[in-house]
C-alpha atoms as a PDB file:
ATOM      1  CA  VAL A   1      85.363 -52.320  82.913  1.00  0.00           C
ATOM      2  CA  GLY A   2      89.113 -51.499  82.980  1.00  0.00           C
ATOM      3  CA  ALA A   3      91.004 -50.408  86.069  1.00  0.00           C
ATOM      4  CA  SER A   4      90.898 -46.712  86.815  1.00  0.00           C
ATOM      5  CA  SER A   5      94.054 -44.606  86.714  1.00  0.00           C
ATOM      6  CA  ALA A   6      93.670 -44.228  90.497  1.00  0.00           C
ATOM      7  CA  ALA A   7      94.622 -47.913  90.753  1.00  0.00           C
ATOM      8  CA  LYS A   8      97.972 -47.210  89.071  1.00  0.00           C
ATOM      9  CA  PRO A   9     100.178 -44.967  91.241  1.00  0.00           C
ATOM     10  CA  GLY A  10     102.622 -44.295  88.373  1.00  0.00           C
ATOM     11  CA  ARG A  11      99.833 -42.570  86.461  1.00  0.00           C
ATOM     12  CA  ALA A  12      98.703 -40.250  89.253  1.00  0.00           C
ATOM     13  CA  GLY A  13      98.816 -36.625  88.152  1.00  0.00           C
ATOM     14  CA  LYS A  14      99.376 -37.541  84.489  1.00  0.00           C
ATOM     15  CA  VAL A  15      97.195 -37.419  81.369  1.00  0.00           C
ATOM     16  CA  ASN A  16      97.029 -39.709  78.355  1.00  0.00           C
ATOM     17  CA  VAL A  17      98.108 -38.231  74.994  1.00  0.00           C
ATOM     18  CA  THR A  18      97.367 -40.594  72.124  1.00  0.00           C
ATOM     19  CA  GLY A  19      97.212 -40.852  68.366  1.00  0.00           C
ATOM     20  CA  TYR A  20      96.395 -43.450  65.732  1.00  0.00           C
ATOM     21  CA  PHE A  21      99.120 -44.297  63.256  1.00  0.00           C
ATOM     22  CA  HIS A  22      99.895 -46.878  60.595  1.00  0.00           C
ATOM     23  CA  PRO A  23     101.227 -50.153  62.092  1.00  0.00           C
ATOM     24  CA  ASP A  24     104.627 -49.357  60.549  1.00  0.00           C
ATOM     25  CA  VAL A  25     105.051 -46.635  63.182  1.00  0.00           C
ATOM     26  CA  LYS A  26     104.937 -49.216  65.986  1.00  0.00           C
ATOM     27  CA  ARG A  27     107.397 -51.397  64.065  1.00  0.00           C
ATOM     28  CA  SER A  28     109.758 -48.437  63.701  1.00  0.00           C
ATOM     29  CA  LEU A  29     109.600 -47.796  67.450  1.00  0.00           C
ATOM     30  CA  LYS A  30     110.418 -51.464  68.050  1.00  0.00           C
ATOM     31  CA  MET A  31     113.392 -51.229  65.679  1.00  0.00           C
ATOM     32  CA  ILE A  32     114.763 -48.360  67.774  1.00  0.00           C
ATOM     33  CA  ARG A  33     114.198 -50.289  71.033  1.00  0.00           C
ATOM     34  CA  LEU A  34     116.145 -53.253  69.604  1.00  0.00           C
ATOM     35  CA  ARG A  35     119.301 -51.165  69.243  1.00  0.00           C
ATOM     36  CA  PRO A  36     121.901 -51.984  71.900  1.00  0.00           C
ATOM     37  CA  GLU A  37     122.013 -48.399  73.218  1.00  0.00           C
ATOM     38  CA  LYS A  38     118.220 -48.412  73.686  1.00  0.00           C
ATOM     39  CA  THR A  39     117.926 -51.721  75.588  1.00  0.00           C
ATOM     40  CA  GLY A  40     115.203 -51.388  78.214  1.00  0.00           C
ATOM     41  CA  VAL A  41     113.805 -48.145  76.798  1.00  0.00           C
ATOM     42  CA  ARG A  42     110.003 -47.981  76.727  1.00  0.00           C
ATOM     43  CA  ASP A  43     107.898 -46.613  73.866  1.00  0.00           C
ATOM     44  CA  GLN A  44     106.798 -43.912  76.314  1.00  0.00           C
ATOM     45  CA  ASP A  45     110.417 -42.790  76.733  1.00  0.00           C
ATOM     46  CA  LEU A  46     110.933 -42.687  72.963  1.00  0.00           C
ATOM     47  CA  LEU A  47     107.748 -40.667  72.557  1.00  0.00           C
ATOM     48  CA  ALA A  48     108.839 -38.262  75.314  1.00  0.00           C
ATOM     49  CA  GLU A  49     112.151 -37.778  73.501  1.00  0.00           C
ATOM     50  CA  ALA A  50     110.321 -37.119  70.220  1.00  0.00           C
ATOM     51  CA  LEU A  51     107.886 -34.687  71.855  1.00  0.00           C
ATOM     52  CA  ASN A  52     110.750 -32.761  73.459  1.00  0.00           C
ATOM     53  CA  ASP A  53     112.421 -32.505  70.039  1.00  0.00           C
ATOM     54  CA  LEU A  54     109.153 -31.089  68.656  1.00  0.00           C
ATOM     55  CA  PHE A  55     108.823 -28.664  71.581  1.00  0.00           C
ATOM     56  CA  ALA A  56     112.413 -27.475  71.040  1.00  0.00           C
ATOM     57  CA  LYS A  57     111.697 -26.928  67.342  1.00  0.00           C
ATOM     58  CA  TYR A  58     108.798 -24.613  68.228  1.00  0.00           C
ATOM     59  CA  ASN A  59     110.650 -22.962  71.129  1.00  0.00           C
ATOM     60  CA  VAL A  60     108.280 -24.083  73.879  1.00  0.00           C
ATOM     61  CA  PRO A  61     109.258 -25.737  77.178  1.00  0.00           C
ATOM     62  CA  GLU A  62     110.479 -29.327  76.815  1.00  0.00           C
ATOM     63  CA  THR A  63     108.136 -30.800  79.411  1.00  0.00           C
ATOM     64  CA  ALA A  64     107.902 -34.491  78.446  1.00  0.00           C
ATOM     65  CA  LYS A  65     109.646 -36.409  81.223  1.00  0.00           C
ATOM     66  CA  LEU A  66     111.625 -39.563  80.622  1.00  0.00           C
ATOM     67  CA  ARG A  67     111.597 -42.427  83.117  1.00  0.00           C
ATOM     68  CA  SER A  68     115.125 -41.446  84.194  1.00  0.00           C
ATOM     69  CA  ASP A  69     113.847 -37.911  84.949  1.00  0.00           C
ATOM     70  CA  GLU A  70     111.144 -39.223  87.310  1.00  0.00           C
ATOM     71  CA  ALA A  71     113.412 -41.026  89.778  1.00  0.00           C
END
């Protein structure tokens, strides 16, 4: 059985939001991460950025936090 979220302090107070996509989606995320200006950026940060763009489009609060916002 996998470790519970209680064992991972960085996940406390957070929920998992997932989806299943074609493998090309993961490759596209990797291509973005390989860009010099995105060195060290996690998929989670890229997804937060994309979600905030979606939220802005529909005029709802941009609530997806990036790692830099959590410090």
